[in-house]
């Protein structure tokens, strides 16, 4: 777990506490909105250059772990 990048920050002083990618002001929901409309991760990263690919991958892996049966 120590090797995982910081993924999400929740701070009431940043976008009213909306979960954002750590170190940015980019809401996590933006990634899911892009995916829902058929956009790629590369297109998301082009639109939000402050987000790192490692953060996106780690978030998606964490989401998969939450919904996958053990």
Protein backbone atom coordinates (compact mmCIF):
# COMPACT_ATOMS: atom_id res chain seq x y z
CA UNK A 1 0.00 0.00 0.00
CA UNK A 2 2.94 2.33 0.58
CA UNK A 3 3.81 2.19 -3.13
CA UNK A 4 0.35 3.30 -4.28
CA UNK A 5 0.10 6.87 -5.49
CA UNK A 6 -2.15 9.32 -3.73
CA UNK A 7 -5.45 8.95 -5.51
CA UNK A 8 -8.23 10.94 -3.89
CA UNK A 9 -8.44 13.98 -1.67
CA UNK A 10 -11.54 15.20 0.14
CA UNK A 11 -11.15 18.65 1.62
CA UNK A 12 -14.00 21.04 2.47
CA UNK A 13 -11.84 23.90 1.13
CA UNK A 14 -11.48 22.29 -2.31
CA UNK A 15 -14.68 22.28 -4.37
CA UNK A 16 -16.76 22.12 -1.18
CA UNK A 17 -15.46 18.68 -0.22
CA UNK A 18 -16.07 17.01 -3.57
CA UNK A 19 -13.68 14.06 -3.98
CA UNK A 20 -10.89 15.15 -6.34
CA UNK A 21 -7.74 13.58 -7.70
CA UNK A 22 -5.03 14.26 -5.13
CA UNK A 23 -2.99 17.35 -5.89
CA UNK A 24 -5.61 18.69 -8.33
CA UNK A 25 -9.01 20.32 -8.41
CA UNK A 26 -10.33 17.67 -10.83
CA UNK A 27 -13.38 15.85 -9.48
CA UNK A 28 -13.25 12.05 -9.55
CA UNK A 29 -16.71 12.14 -11.12
CA UNK A 30 -15.18 13.75 -14.22
CA UNK A 31 -13.33 10.52 -15.02
CA UNK A 32 -16.51 8.47 -14.75
CA UNK A 33 -18.39 11.01 -16.88
CA UNK A 34 -15.72 10.68 -19.59
CA UNK A 35 -15.89 6.89 -19.49
CA UNK A 36 -19.70 6.88 -19.62
CA UNK A 37 -19.66 8.95 -22.80
CA UNK A 38 -17.18 6.63 -24.50
CA UNK A 39 -14.09 8.82 -24.07
CA UNK A 40 -10.76 7.14 -23.44
CA UNK A 41 -8.38 7.53 -20.53
CA UNK A 42 -5.96 9.27 -22.89
CA UNK A 43 -8.65 11.80 -23.83
CA UNK A 44 -9.40 12.37 -20.15
CA UNK A 45 -5.71 12.97 -19.42
CA UNK A 46 -5.44 15.39 -22.35
CA UNK A 47 -8.34 17.41 -20.92
CA UNK A 48 -7.05 17.25 -17.34
CA UNK A 49 -3.23 17.35 -17.56
CA UNK A 50 -2.81 17.77 -13.79
CA UNK A 51 -4.09 14.21 -13.27
CA UNK A 52 -1.48 11.47 -13.58
CA UNK A 53 -2.14 8.22 -15.43
CA UNK A 54 -1.09 6.31 -12.29
CA UNK A 55 -3.89 8.02 -10.36
CA UNK A 56 -6.49 7.05 -12.95
CA UNK A 57 -5.35 3.43 -13.07
CA UNK A 58 -5.19 3.18 -9.27
CA UNK A 59 -8.70 4.65 -8.94
CA UNK A 60 -10.14 2.23 -11.49
CA UNK A 61 -8.40 -0.71 -9.82
CA UNK A 62 -9.74 0.34 -6.41
CA UNK A 63 -13.25 0.66 -7.88
CA UNK A 64 -12.96 -2.80 -9.44
CA UNK A 65 -11.88 -4.28 -6.10
CA UNK A 66 -14.97 -2.77 -4.48
CA UNK A 67 -17.36 -4.43 -6.92
CA UNK A 68 -15.56 -7.73 -7.59
CA UNK A 69 -16.53 -10.76 -5.56
CA UNK A 70 -13.77 -12.07 -3.31
